[in-house]
Amino acid sequence: LALSVGIQALLWMGTGAIMSYLKIEHVRSEHVISREPS
């Protein structure tokens, strides 16, 4: 049980750390586009 649950726990912790490191503005590409209306 620890083997099967541990795999998911490892994925949750690892992906959580990656998402915490990435800036949401860069994920959404907000730093390279402009939404200023014409």
PDB file of all heavy atoms in Angstrom:
ATOM      1  N   LEU A   1       0.828  -1.197   0.000  1.00  0.00           N
ATOM      2  CA  LEU A   1       0.000   0.000   0.000  1.00  0.00           C
ATOM      3  C   LEU A   1       0.866   1.251   0.000  1.00  0.00           C
ATOM      4  O   LEU A   1       0.574   2.228  -0.700  1.00  0.00           O
ATOM      5  CB  LEU A   1      -0.931   0.005   1.215  1.00  0.00           C
ATOM      6  CG  LEU A   1      -1.968   1.130   1.280  1.00  0.00           C
ATOM      7  CD1 LEU A   1      -2.902   1.057   0.079  1.00  0.00           C
ATOM      8  CD2 LEU A   1      -2.767   1.058   2.569  1.00  0.00           C
ATOM      9  N   ALA A   2       1.946   1.224   0.783  1.00  0.00           N
ATOM     10  CA  ALA A   2       2.861   2.368   0.810  1.00  0.00           C
ATOM     11  C   ALA A   2       3.510   2.583  -0.553  1.00  0.00           C
ATOM     12  O   ALA A   2       3.767   3.721  -0.958  1.00  0.00           O
ATOM     13  CB  ALA A   2       3.932   2.155   1.878  1.00  0.00           C
ATOM     14  N   LEU A   3       3.746   1.474  -1.273  1.00  0.00           N
ATOM     15  CA  LEU A   3       4.354   1.596  -2.599  1.00  0.00           C
ATOM     16  C   LEU A   3       3.407   2.296  -3.568  1.00  0.00           C
ATOM     17  O   LEU A   3       3.799   3.221  -4.287  1.00  0.00           O
ATOM     18  CB  LEU A   3       4.719   0.207  -3.129  1.00  0.00           C
ATOM     19  CG  LEU A   3       5.357   0.175  -4.532  1.00  0.00           C
ATOM     20  CD1 LEU A   3       6.668   0.945  -4.532  1.00  0.00           C
ATOM     21  CD2 LEU A   3       5.576  -1.261  -4.978  1.00  0.00           C
ATOM     22  N   SER A   4       2.125   1.875  -3.588  1.00  0.00           N
ATOM     23  CA  SER A   4       1.170   2.463  -4.528  1.00  0.00           C
ATOM     24  C   SER A   4       0.807   3.897  -4.145  1.00  0.00           C
ATOM     25  O   SER A   4       0.759   4.792  -4.987  1.00  0.00           O
ATOM     26  CB  SER A   4      -0.096   1.600  -4.594  1.00  0.00           C
ATOM     27  OG  SER A   4      -0.679   1.487  -3.302  1.00  0.00           O
ATOM     28  N   VAL A   5       0.553   4.131  -2.853  1.00  0.00           N
ATOM     29  CA  VAL A   5       0.213   5.479  -2.401  1.00  0.00           C
ATOM     30  C   VAL A   5       1.423   6.396  -2.471  1.00  0.00           C
ATOM     31  O   VAL A   5       1.311   7.587  -2.778  1.00  0.00           O
ATOM     32  CB  VAL A   5      -0.365   5.438  -0.975  1.00  0.00           C
ATOM     33  CG1 VAL A   5      -0.610   6.847  -0.445  1.00  0.00           C
ATOM     34  CG2 VAL A   5      -1.668   4.639  -0.943  1.00  0.00           C
ATOM     35  N   GLY A   6       2.593   5.846  -2.202  1.00  0.00           N
ATOM     36  CA  GLY A   6       3.810   6.658  -2.203  1.00  0.00           C
ATOM     37  C   GLY A   6       4.129   7.236  -3.560  1.00  0.00           C
ATOM     38  O   GLY A   6       4.669   8.335  -3.668  1.00  0.00           O
ATOM     39  N   ILE A   7       3.789   6.476  -4.634  1.00  0.00           N
ATOM     40  CA  ILE A   7       4.036   6.997  -5.984  1.00  0.00           C
ATOM     41  C   ILE A   7       3.229   8.269  -6.214  1.00  0.00           C
ATOM     42  O   ILE A   7       3.746   9.276  -6.719  1.00  0.00           O
ATOM     43  CB  ILE A   7       3.689   5.926  -7.041  1.00  0.00           C
ATOM     44  CG1 ILE A   7       4.676   4.750  -6.948  1.00  0.00           C
ATOM     45  CG2 ILE A   7       3.708   6.523  -8.444  1.00  0.00           C
ATOM     46  CD1 ILE A   7       4.331   3.600  -7.855  1.00  0.00           C
ATOM     47  N   GLN A   8       1.950   8.236  -5.826  1.00  0.00           N
ATOM     48  CA  GLN A   8       1.105   9.422  -5.996  1.00  0.00           C
ATOM     49  C   GLN A   8       1.569  10.561  -5.101  1.00  0.00           C
ATOM     50  O   GLN A   8       1.540  11.734  -5.495  1.00  0.00           O
ATOM     51  CB  GLN A   8      -0.354   9.078  -5.702  1.00  0.00           C
ATOM     52  CG  GLN A   8      -1.317  10.234  -5.907  1.00  0.00           C
ATOM     53  CD  GLN A   8      -1.254  10.788  -7.312  1.00  0.00           C
ATOM     54  OE1 GLN A   8      -1.177  10.037  -8.291  1.00  0.00           O
ATOM     55  NE2 GLN A   8      -1.264  12.111  -7.437  1.00  0.00           N
ATOM     56  N   ALA A   9       2.001  10.222  -3.869  1.00  0.00           N
ATOM     57  CA  ALA A   9       2.507  11.259  -2.966  1.00  0.00           C
ATOM     58  C   ALA A   9       3.757  11.913  -3.547  1.00  0.00           C
ATOM     59  O   ALA A   9       3.937  13.136  -3.456  1.00  0.00           O
ATOM     60  CB  ALA A   9       2.812  10.659  -1.596  1.00  0.00           C
ATOM     61  N   LEU A  10       4.615  11.116  -4.172  1.00  0.00           N
ATOM     62  CA  LEU A  10       5.816  11.657  -4.800  1.00  0.00           C
ATOM     63  C   LEU A  10       5.447  12.578  -5.950  1.00  0.00           C
ATOM     64  O   LEU A  10       6.018  13.672  -6.096  1.00  0.00           O
ATOM     65  CB  LEU A  10       6.699  10.507  -5.295  1.00  0.00           C
ATOM     66  CG  LEU A  10       7.960  10.915  -6.074  1.00  0.00           C
ATOM     67  CD1 LEU A  10       8.882  11.736  -5.190  1.00  0.00           C
ATOM     68  CD2 LEU A  10       8.684   9.674  -6.589  1.00  0.00           C
ATOM     69  N   LEU A  11       4.463  12.166  -6.775  1.00  0.00           N
ATOM     70  CA  LEU A  11       4.027  13.017  -7.875  1.00  0.00           C
ATOM     71  C   LEU A  11       3.412  14.309  -7.358  1.00  0.00           C
ATOM     72  O   LEU A  11       3.650  15.385  -7.908  1.00  0.00           O
ATOM     73  CB  LEU A  11       3.016  12.259  -8.745  1.00  0.00           C
ATOM     74  CG  LEU A  11       3.560  11.086  -9.565  1.00  0.00           C
ATOM     75  CD1 LEU A  11       2.430  10.351 -10.252  1.00  0.00           C
ATOM     76  CD2 LEU A  11       4.580  11.564 -10.583  1.00  0.00           C
ATOM     77  N   TRP A  12       2.606  14.206  -6.285  1.00  0.00           N
ATOM     78  CA  TRP A  12       1.961  15.402  -5.737  1.00  0.00           C
ATOM     79  C   TRP A  12       2.987  16.386  -5.191  1.00  0.00           C
ATOM     80  O   TRP A  12       2.925  17.582  -5.456  1.00  0.00           O
ATOM     81  CB  TRP A  12       0.981  15.001  -4.636  1.00  0.00           C
ATOM     82  CG  TRP A  12       0.189  16.169  -4.121  1.00  0.00           C
ATOM     83  CD1 TRP A  12      -0.907  16.721  -4.690  1.00  0.00           C
ATOM     84  CD2 TRP A  12       0.459  16.925  -2.944  1.00  0.00           C
ATOM     85  NE1 TRP A  12      -1.354  17.782  -3.947  1.00  0.00           N
ATOM     86  CE2 TRP A  12      -0.540  17.937  -2.865  1.00  0.00           C
ATOM     87  CE3 TRP A  12       1.426  16.849  -1.934  1.00  0.00           C
ATOM     88  CZ2 TRP A  12      -0.572  18.853  -1.827  1.00  0.00           C
ATOM     89  CZ3 TRP A  12       1.398  17.771  -0.900  1.00  0.00           C
ATOM     90  CH2 TRP A  12       0.401  18.759  -0.857  1.00  0.00           C
ATOM     91  N   MET A  13       3.938  15.871  -4.430  1.00  0.00           N
ATOM     92  CA  MET A  13       4.960  16.752  -3.854  1.00  0.00           C
ATOM     93  C   MET A  13       5.855  17.345  -4.937  1.00  0.00           C
ATOM     94  O   MET A  13       6.157  18.542  -4.934  1.00  0.00           O
ATOM     95  CB  MET A  13       5.803  15.970  -2.846  1.00  0.00           C
ATOM     96  CG  MET A  13       5.059  15.534  -1.612  1.00  0.00           C
ATOM     97  SD  MET A  13       4.575  16.938  -0.587  1.00  0.00           S
ATOM     98  CE  MET A  13       3.799  16.071   0.781  1.00  0.00           C
ATOM     99  N   GLY A  14       6.285  16.495  -5.875  1.00  0.00           N
ATOM    100  CA  GLY A  14       7.184  16.979  -6.918  1.00  0.00           C
ATOM    101  C   GLY A  14       6.535  18.010  -7.814  1.00  0.00           C
ATOM    102  O   GLY A  14       7.106  19.072  -8.092  1.00  0.00           O
ATOM    103  N   THR A  15       5.310  17.716  -8.294  1.00  0.00           N
ATOM    104  CA  THR A  15       4.620  18.671  -9.158  1.00  0.00           C
ATOM    105  C   THR A  15       4.241  19.931  -8.394  1.00  0.00           C
ATOM    106  O   THR A  15       4.238  21.032  -8.962  1.00  0.00           O
ATOM    107  CB  THR A  15       3.365  18.035  -9.766  1.00  0.00           C
ATOM    108  OG1 THR A  15       2.546  17.501  -8.698  1.00  0.00           O
ATOM    109  CG2 THR A  15       3.738  16.904 -10.711  1.00  0.00           C
ATOM    110  N   GLY A  16       3.917  19.782  -7.104  1.00  0.00           N
ATOM    111  CA  GLY A  16       3.609  20.960  -6.292  1.00  0.00           C
ATOM    112  C   GLY A  16       4.805  21.881  -6.175  1.00  0.00           C
ATOM    113  O   GLY A  16       4.671  23.110  -6.247  1.00  0.00           O
ATOM    114  N   ALA A  17       5.990  21.294  -5.988  1.00  0.00           N
ATOM    115  CA  ALA A  17       7.201  22.107  -5.896  1.00  0.00           C
ATOM    116  C   ALA A  17       7.481  22.809  -7.221  1.00  0.00           C
ATOM    117  O   ALA A  17       7.882  23.974  -7.252  1.00  0.00           O
ATOM    118  CB  ALA A  17       8.385  21.230  -5.496  1.00  0.00           C
ATOM    119  N   ILE A  18       7.250  22.106  -8.348  1.00  0.00           N
ATOM    120  CA  ILE A  18       7.485  22.716  -9.660  1.00  0.00           C
ATOM    121  C   ILE A  18       6.517  23.874  -9.891  1.00  0.00           C
ATOM    122  O   ILE A  18       6.912  24.960 -10.339  1.00  0.00           O
ATOM    123  CB  ILE A  18       7.339  21.661 -10.766  1.00  0.00           C
ATOM    124  CG1 ILE A  18       8.465  20.626 -10.663  1.00  0.00           C
ATOM    125  CG2 ILE A  18       7.358  22.320 -12.145  1.00  0.00           C
ATOM    126  CD1 ILE A  18       8.316  19.458 -11.612  1.00  0.00           C
ATOM    127  N   MET A  19       5.226  23.668  -9.579  1.00  0.00           N
ATOM    128  CA  MET A  19       4.238  24.729  -9.780  1.00  0.00           C
ATOM    129  C   MET A  19       4.501  25.916  -8.865  1.00  0.00           C
ATOM    130  O   MET A  19       4.223  27.064  -9.229  1.00  0.00           O
ATOM    131  CB  MET A  19       2.833  24.181  -9.558  1.00  0.00           C
ATOM    132  CG  MET A  19       2.369  23.233 -10.644  1.00  0.00           C
ATOM    133  SD  MET A  19       0.607  22.784 -10.490  1.00  0.00           S
ATOM    134  CE  MET A  19       0.637  21.854  -8.947  1.00  0.00           C
ATOM    135  N   SER A  20       5.043  25.658  -7.665  1.00  0.00           N
ATOM    136  CA  SER A  20       5.360  26.756  -6.753  1.00  0.00           C
ATOM    137  C   SER A  20       6.538  27.573  -7.270  1.00  0.00           C
ATOM    138  O   SER A  20       6.635  28.773  -7.017  1.00  0.00           O
ATOM    139  CB  SER A  20       5.683  26.211  -5.361  1.00  0.00           C
ATOM    140  OG  SER A  20       4.576  25.529  -4.828  1.00  0.00           O
ATOM    141  N   TYR A  21       7.436  26.922  -8.009  1.00  0.00           N
ATOM    142  CA  TYR A  21       8.608  27.618  -8.523  1.00  0.00           C
ATOM    143  C   TYR A  21       8.266  28.460  -9.748  1.00  0.00           C
ATOM    144  O   TYR A  21       8.781  29.571  -9.907  1.00  0.00           O
ATOM    145  CB  TYR A  21       9.692  26.601  -8.883  1.00  0.00           C
ATOM    146  CG  TYR A  21      10.919  27.221  -9.505  1.00  0.00           C
ATOM    147  CD1 TYR A  21      11.840  27.930  -8.727  1.00  0.00           C
ATOM    148  CD2 TYR A  21      11.135  27.118 -10.871  1.00  0.00           C
ATOM    149  CE1 TYR A  21      12.953  28.506  -9.302  1.00  0.00           C
ATOM    150  CE2 TYR A  21      12.247  27.688 -11.458  1.00  0.00           C
ATOM    151  CZ  TYR A  21      13.148  28.384 -10.664  1.00  0.00           C
ATOM    152  OH  TYR A  21      14.246  28.954 -11.242  1.00  0.00           O
ATOM    153  N   LEU A  22       7.385  27.952 -10.607  1.00  0.00           N
ATOM    154  CA  LEU A  22       7.040  28.673 -11.832  1.00  0.00           C
ATOM    155  C   LEU A  22       6.131  29.858 -11.520  1.00  0.00           C
ATOM    156  O   LEU A  22       5.213  29.749 -10.724  1.00  0.00           O
ATOM    157  CB  LEU A  22       6.344  27.736 -12.817  1.00  0.00           C
ATOM    158  CG  LEU A  22       7.158  26.547 -13.320  1.00  0.00           C
ATOM    159  CD1 LEU A  22       6.287  25.644 -14.179  1.00  0.00           C
ATOM    160  CD2 LEU A  22       8.373  27.012 -14.107  1.00  0.00           C
ATOM    161  N   LYS A  23       6.389  30.973 -12.169  1.00  0.00           N
ATOM    162  CA  LYS A  23       5.558  32.163 -12.008  1.00  0.00           C
ATOM    163  C   LYS A  23       4.346  32.040 -12.927  1.00  0.00           C
ATOM    164  O   LYS A  23       4.486  31.751 -14.119  1.00  0.00           O
ATOM    165  CB  LYS A  23       6.344  33.433 -12.323  1.00  0.00           C
ATOM    166  CG  LYS A  23       7.460  33.720 -11.324  1.00  0.00           C
ATOM    167  CD  LYS A  23       8.123  35.042 -11.631  1.00  0.00           C
ATOM    168  CE  LYS A  23       9.229  35.351 -10.628  1.00  0.00           C
ATOM    169  NZ  LYS A  23       8.717  35.466  -9.260  1.00  0.00           N
ATOM    170  N   ILE A  24       3.158  32.293 -12.358  1.00  0.00           N
ATOM    171  CA  ILE A  24       1.929  32.118 -13.119  1.00  0.00           C
ATOM    172  C   ILE A  24       1.871  33.068 -14.311  1.00  0.00           C
ATOM    173  O   ILE A  24       1.273  32.749 -15.350  1.00  0.00           O
ATOM    174  CB  ILE A  24       0.694  32.322 -12.195  1.00  0.00           C
ATOM    175  CG1 ILE A  24      -0.586  31.842 -12.885  1.00  0.00           C
ATOM    176  CG2 ILE A  24       0.589  33.766 -11.752  1.00  0.00           C
ATOM    177  CD1 ILE A  24      -0.600  30.378 -13.201  1.00  0.00           C
ATOM    178  N   GLU A  25       2.525  34.246 -14.214  1.00  0.00           N
ATOM    179  CA  GLU A  25       2.544  35.183 -15.338  1.00  0.00           C
ATOM    180  C   GLU A  25       3.281  34.584 -16.527  1.00  0.00           C
ATOM    181  O   GLU A  25       2.893  34.778 -17.684  1.00  0.00           O
ATOM    182  CB  GLU A  25       3.197  36.509 -14.921  1.00  0.00           C
ATOM    183  CG  GLU A  25       2.417  37.301 -13.893  1.00  0.00           C
ATOM    184  CD  GLU A  25       2.657  36.810 -12.484  1.00  0.00           C
ATOM    185  OE1 GLU A  25       3.512  35.906 -12.306  1.00  0.00           O
ATOM    186  OE2 GLU A  25       1.991  37.304 -11.553  1.00  0.00           O
ATOM    187  N   HIS A  26       4.368  33.832 -16.244  1.00  0.00           N
ATOM    188  CA  HIS A  26       5.123  33.201 -17.325  1.00  0.00           C
ATOM    189  C   HIS A  26       4.361  31.999 -17.864  1.00  0.00           C
ATOM    190  O   HIS A  26       4.420  31.712 -19.064  1.00  0.00           O
ATOM    191  CB  HIS A  26       6.504  32.781 -16.824  1.00  0.00           C
ATOM    192  CG  HIS A  26       7.445  33.925 -16.656  1.00  0.00           C
ATOM    193  ND1 HIS A  26       8.566  34.096 -17.437  1.00  0.00           N
ATOM    194  CD2 HIS A  26       7.433  34.989 -15.810  1.00  0.00           C
ATOM    195  CE1 HIS A  26       9.208  35.198 -17.067  1.00  0.00           C
ATOM    196  NE2 HIS A  26       8.527  35.757 -16.082  1.00  0.00           N
ATOM    197  N   VAL A  27       3.675  31.280 -17.007  1.00  0.00           N
ATOM    198  CA  VAL A  27       2.885  30.136 -17.459  1.00  0.00           C
ATOM    199  C   VAL A  27       1.806  30.589 -18.441  1.00  0.00           C
ATOM    200  O   VAL A  27       1.538  29.943 -19.456  1.00  0.00           O
ATOM    201  CB  VAL A  27       2.251  29.411 -16.259  1.00  0.00           C
ATOM    202  CG1 VAL A  27       1.307  28.308 -16.723  1.00  0.00           C
ATOM    203  CG2 VAL A  27       3.331  28.816 -15.361  1.00  0.00           C
ATOM    204  N   ARG A  28       1.169  31.722 -18.135  1.00  0.00           N
ATOM    205  CA  ARG A  28       0.100  32.256 -18.999  1.00  0.00           C
ATOM    206  C   ARG A  28       0.635  33.141 -20.111  1.00  0.00           C
ATOM    207  O   ARG A  28      -0.144  33.696 -20.879  1.00  0.00           O
ATOM    208  CB  ARG A  28      -0.885  33.059 -18.150  1.00  0.00           C
ATOM    209  CG  ARG A  28      -1.630  32.223 -17.119  1.00  0.00           C
ATOM    210  CD  ARG A  28      -2.483  33.105 -16.228  1.00  0.00           C
ATOM    211  NE  ARG A  28      -3.266  32.318 -15.282  1.00  0.00           N
ATOM    212  CZ  ARG A  28      -3.984  32.844 -14.299  1.00  0.00           C
ATOM    213  NH1 ARG A  28      -4.036  34.170 -14.145  1.00  0.00           N
ATOM    214  NH2 ARG A  28      -4.658  32.065 -13.484  1.00  0.00           N
ATOM    215  N   SER A  29       1.969  33.296 -20.188  1.00  0.00           N
ATOM    216  CA  SER A  29       2.628  34.147 -21.185  1.00  0.00           C
ATOM    217  C   SER A  29       2.184  35.595 -21.095  1.00  0.00           C
ATOM    218  O   SER A  29       2.193  36.335 -22.090  1.00  0.00           O
ATOM    219  CB  SER A  29       2.367  33.604 -22.604  1.00  0.00           C
ATOM    220  OG  SER A  29       2.904  32.308 -22.747  1.00  0.00           O
ATOM    221  N   GLU A  30       1.794  36.040 -19.893  1.00  0.00           N
ATOM    222  CA  GLU A  30       1.364  37.418 -19.712  1.00  0.00           C
ATOM    223  C   GLU A  30       2.520  38.406 -19.863  1.00  0.00           C
ATOM    224  O   GLU A  30       2.289  39.600 -20.071  1.00  0.00           O
ATOM    225  CB  GLU A  30       0.728  37.589 -18.321  1.00  0.00           C
ATOM    226  CG  GLU A  30      -0.545  36.783 -18.102  1.00  0.00           C
ATOM    227  CD  GLU A  30      -1.714  37.345 -18.875  1.00  0.00           C
ATOM    228  OE1 GLU A  30      -1.598  38.468 -19.372  1.00  0.00           O
ATOM    229  OE2 GLU A  30      -2.748  36.645 -18.988  1.00  0.00           O
ATOM    230  N   HIS A  31       3.756  37.912 -19.755  1.00  0.00           N
ATOM    231  CA  HIS A  31       4.918  38.811 -19.822  1.00  0.00           C
ATOM    232  C   HIS A  31       5.308  39.159 -21.255  1.00  0.00           C
ATOM    233  O   HIS A  31       6.165  40.021 -21.474  1.00  0.00           O
ATOM    234  CB  HIS A  31       6.117  38.168 -19.110  1.00  0.00           C
ATOM    235  CG  HIS A  31       6.575  36.887 -19.730  1.00  0.00           C
ATOM    236  ND1 HIS A  31       5.769  35.779 -19.825  1.00  0.00           N
ATOM    237  CD2 HIS A  31       7.761  36.549 -20.307  1.00  0.00           C
ATOM    238  CE1 HIS A  31       6.435  34.800 -20.413  1.00  0.00           C
ATOM    239  NE2 HIS A  31       7.631  35.240 -20.716  1.00  0.00           N
ATOM    240  N   VAL A  32       4.691  38.504 -22.236  1.00  0.00           N
ATOM    241  CA  VAL A  32       5.068  38.777 -23.624  1.00  0.00           C
ATOM    242  C   VAL A  32       3.885  39.246 -24.467  1.00  0.00           C
ATOM    243  O   VAL A  32       4.023  39.397 -25.684  1.00  0.00           O
ATOM    244  CB  VAL A  32       5.697  37.522 -24.276  1.00  0.00           C
ATOM    245  CG1 VAL A  32       7.023  37.190 -23.622  1.00  0.00           C
ATOM    246  CG2 VAL A  32       4.744  36.338 -24.204  1.00  0.00           C
ATOM    247  N   ILE A  33       2.730  39.458 -23.852  1.00  0.00           N
ATOM    248  CA  ILE A  33       1.572  39.934 -24.606  1.00  0.00           C
ATOM    249  C   ILE A  33       0.983  41.156 -23.914  1.00  0.00           C
ATOM    250  O   ILE A  33       1.242  41.409 -22.737  1.00  0.00           O
ATOM    251  CB  ILE A  33       0.479  38.850 -24.747  1.00  0.00           C
ATOM    252  CG1 ILE A  33      -0.056  38.452 -23.359  1.00  0.00           C
ATOM    253  CG2 ILE A  33       1.003  37.637 -25.479  1.00  0.00           C
ATOM    254  CD1 ILE A  33      -1.243  37.517 -23.422  1.00  0.00           C
ATOM    255  N   SER A  34       0.186  41.898 -24.644  1.00  0.00           N
ATOM    256  CA  SER A  34      -0.483  43.073 -24.107  1.00  0.00           C
ATOM    257  C   SER A  34      -1.981  42.958 -24.370  1.00  0.00           C
ATOM    258  O   SER A  34      -2.398  42.588 -25.484  1.00  0.00           O
ATOM    259  CB  SER A  34       0.058  44.348 -24.744  1.00  0.00           C
ATOM    260  OG  SER A  34      -0.695  45.477 -24.343  1.00  0.00           O
ATOM    261  N   ARG A  35      -2.775  43.252 -23.363  1.00  0.00           N
ATOM    262  CA  ARG A  35      -4.228  43.229 -23.493  1.00  0.00           C
ATOM    263  C   ARG A  35      -4.809  44.645 -23.554  1.00  0.00           C
ATOM    264  O   ARG A  35      -5.988  44.843 -23.340  1.00  0.00           O
ATOM    265  CB  ARG A  35      -4.855  42.456 -22.333  1.00  0.00           C
ATOM    266  CG  ARG A  35      -4.412  41.004 -22.270  1.00  0.00           C
ATOM    267  CD  ARG A  35      -5.114  40.253 -21.160  1.00  0.00           C
ATOM    268  NE  ARG A  35      -4.626  38.896 -21.032  1.00  0.00           N
ATOM    269  CZ  ARG A  35      -5.069  37.859 -21.749  1.00  0.00           C
ATOM    270  NH1 ARG A  35      -6.020  38.051 -22.643  1.00  0.00           N
ATOM    271  NH2 ARG A  35      -4.575  36.648 -21.567  1.00  0.00           N
ATOM    272  N   GLU A  36      -3.966  45.622 -23.833  1.00  0.00           N
ATOM    273  CA  GLU A  36      -4.421  47.003 -23.919  1.00  0.00           C
ATOM    274  C   GLU A  36      -5.356  47.154 -25.112  1.00  0.00           C
ATOM    275  O   GLU A  36      -4.988  46.851 -26.267  1.00  0.00           O
ATOM    276  CB  GLU A  36      -3.224  47.938 -24.074  1.00  0.00           C
ATOM    277  CG  GLU A  36      -3.570  49.409 -23.939  1.00  0.00           C
ATOM    278  CD  GLU A  36      -3.934  49.798 -22.522  1.00  0.00           C
ATOM    279  OE1 GLU A  36      -3.518  49.080 -21.585  1.00  0.00           O
ATOM    280  OE2 GLU A  36      -4.619  50.816 -22.354  1.00  0.00           O
ATOM    281  N   PRO A  37      -6.598  47.600 -24.894  1.00  0.00           N
ATOM    282  CA  PRO A  37      -7.539  47.722 -26.016  1.00  0.00           C
ATOM    283  C   PRO A  37      -7.147  48.860 -26.951  1.00  0.00           C
ATOM    284  O   PRO A  37      -6.560  49.870 -26.542  1.00  0.00           O
ATOM    285  CB  PRO A  37      -8.866  48.010 -25.317  1.00  0.00           C
ATOM    286  CG  PRO A  37      -8.493  48.640 -24.007  1.00  0.00           C
ATOM    287  CD  PRO A  37      -7.200  47.983 -23.610  1.00  0.00           C
ATOM    288  N   SER A  38      -7.468  48.678 -28.233  1.00  0.00           N
ATOM    289  CA  SER A  38      -7.176  49.707 -29.225  1.00  0.00           C
ATOM    290  C   SER A  38      -8.277  50.763 -29.211  1.00  0.00           C
ATOM    291  O   SER A  38      -9.465  50.435 -29.095  1.00  0.00           O
ATOM    292  CB  SER A  38      -7.084  49.081 -30.629  1.00  0.00           C
ATOM    293  OG  SER A  38      -6.067  48.101 -30.673  1.00  0.00           O
TER     294      SER A  38
END
